[in-house]
Amino acid sequence: MLSLQTVPTERRVMRKHDNGKEHVVLYFEKETGDMVKEEVFYPNGKVHWTGTYKKNIEHGTWQFYYENGNLKTVENYLGGKEHGVTTQYGESGKKIKEEFWKHGKLIKEMKY
């Protein structure tokens, strides 16, 4: 799979917050027009979530953040379905839960 660094992309600001800061930013592969990445921001400018696409479907790692900037959740997708480990963190950064997914079906859950 090609990384965003090697595939020419076009960055488009789709929506802004009332304060003028970017809210939703999408990245499209220039050659095909396929969406390859999504970034959503809080009004304070910090990342709310970011994730990647393959052929316009969720694919790869998605990361969600608390408004304070700490990591909240890391999810992995394969062809639009959760696949692999999903890890959730508390606002302080402590790991609180892991889920193990296989093609969109929850296999196992562990709480910490």
Protein backbone atom coordinates (compact mmCIF):
# COMPACT_ATOMS: atom_id res chain seq x y z
CA MET A 1 0.00 0.00 0.00
CA LEU A 2 1.33 3.43 -0.88
CA SER A 3 1.73 5.94 1.90
CA LEU A 4 0.32 9.45 1.74
CA GLN A 5 3.88 10.70 1.31
CA THR A 6 4.29 8.88 -2.03
CA VAL A 7 0.79 9.41 -3.44
CA PRO A 8 0.07 12.95 -4.67
CA THR A 9 -2.91 14.18 -2.67
CA GLU A 10 -5.14 17.20 -2.61
CA ARG A 11 -6.07 18.64 0.78
CA ARG A 12 -9.56 20.14 1.04
CA VAL A 13 -11.01 22.01 4.01
CA MET A 14 -14.63 20.87 3.98
CA ARG A 15 -15.91 22.75 7.03
CA LYS A 16 -14.74 25.37 9.50
CA HIS A 17 -15.75 26.12 13.07
CA ASP A 18 -17.51 29.41 13.88
CA ASN A 19 -14.13 30.74 15.08
CA GLY A 20 -12.65 30.21 11.60
CA LYS A 21 -10.45 27.24 12.54
CA GLU A 22 -10.58 24.11 10.41
CA HIS A 23 -13.16 21.52 11.45
CA VAL A 24 -13.14 18.83 8.73
CA VAL A 25 -10.24 18.29 6.32
CA LEU A 26 -10.26 15.56 3.68
CA TYR A 27 -7.42 14.34 1.48
CA PHE A 28 -8.03 12.95 -1.99
CA GLU A 29 -5.68 11.07 -4.29
CA LYS A 30 -5.08 13.42 -7.21
CA GLU A 31 -5.04 10.72 -9.88
CA THR A 32 -8.19 8.79 -8.91
CA GLY A 33 -10.12 11.26 -6.77
CA ASP A 34 -10.41 8.63 -4.03
CA MET A 35 -10.55 9.88 -0.45
CA VAL A 36 -7.42 8.68 1.39
CA LYS A 37 -7.51 10.50 4.73
CA GLU A 38 -9.85 12.38 7.06
CA GLU A 39 -8.96 14.81 9.85
CA VAL A 40 -11.49 16.37 12.22
CA PHE A 41 -10.53 19.10 14.67
CA TYR A 42 -11.96 20.54 17.88
CA PRO A 43 -12.74 24.31 17.91
CA ASN A 44 -9.45 24.81 19.82
CA GLY A 45 -7.54 23.46 16.79
CA LYS A 46 -6.52 20.15 18.36
CA VAL A 47 -7.19 16.92 16.47
CA HIS A 48 -10.46 15.17 17.34
CA TRP A 49 -9.82 12.20 15.07
CA THR A 50 -7.86 11.13 12.03
CA GLY A 51 -8.10 8.08 9.83
CA THR A 52 -7.22 6.63 6.47
CA TYR A 53 -9.21 5.19 3.59
CA LYS A 54 -8.56 2.81 0.73
CA LYS A 55 -10.93 3.12 -2.23
CA ASN A 56 -13.11 5.48 -0.13
CA ILE A 57 -13.60 2.88 2.64
CA GLU A 58 -12.10 2.99 6.16
CA HIS A 59 -8.84 1.10 6.01
CA GLY A 60 -5.87 1.27 8.33
CA THR A 61 -5.44 3.01 11.65
CA TRP A 62 -7.89 5.55 13.08
CA GLN A 63 -6.97 7.62 16.12
CA PHE A 64 -9.40 9.56 18.33
CA TYR A 65 -8.35 12.19 20.87
CA TYR A 66 -9.76 13.95 23.90
CA GLU A 67 -10.08 17.72 23.66
CA ASN A 68 -7.02 18.04 25.91
CA GLY A 69 -4.96 16.34 23.17
CA ASN A 70 -4.53 12.97 24.88
CA LEU A 71 -5.14 9.83 22.86
CA LYS A 72 -8.61 8.34 23.45
CA THR A 73 -8.93 5.36 21.09
CA VAL A 74 -6.91 3.61 18.39
CA GLU A 75 -8.93 1.48 15.97
CA ASN A 76 -7.84 -0.59 12.99
CA TYR A 77 -9.94 -1.19 9.88
CA LEU A 78 -9.74 -3.57 6.97
CA GLY A 79 -12.14 -2.92 4.12
CA GLY A 80 -14.49 -0.79 6.20
CA LYS A 81 -14.74 -3.23 9.11
CA GLU A 82 -12.96 -3.19 12.45
CA HIS A 83 -10.11 -5.65 12.27
CA GLY A 84 -7.29 -6.07 14.75
CA VAL A 85 -6.85 -4.46 18.14
CA THR A 86 -8.85 -1.46 19.35
CA THR A 87 -7.33 0.23 22.39
CA GLN A 88 -9.15 2.77 24.57
CA TYR A 89 -7.49 5.18 27.01
CA GLY A 90 -8.81 7.35 29.82
CA GLU A 91 -8.33 11.13 29.69
CA SER A 92 -5.20 10.79 31.82
CA GLY A 93 -3.64 8.44 29.24
CA LYS A 94 -4.10 5.16 31.12
CA LYS A 95 -5.16 2.16 29.02
CA ILE A 96 -8.69 1.14 30.05
CA LYS A 97 -9.80 -1.40 27.46
CA GLU A 98 -8.69 -3.51 24.51
CA GLU A 99 -10.96 -5.16 21.99
CA PHE A 100 -9.92 -7.75 19.45
CA TRP A 101 -11.82 -7.64 16.15
CA LYS A 102 -11.88 -9.91 13.11
CA HIS A 103 -13.63 -8.62 9.98
CA GLY A 104 -16.14 -6.54 11.98
CA LYS A 105 -16.88 -9.11 14.69
CA LEU A 106 -15.80 -8.60 18.28
CA ILE A 107 -13.73 -11.63 19.34
CA LYS A 108 -12.51 -10.66 22.79
CA GLU A 109 -12.59 -7.71 25.20
CA MET A 110 -10.20 -6.97 28.05
CA LYS A 111 -10.72 -4.21 30.64
CA TYR A 112 -7.88 -2.78 32.70
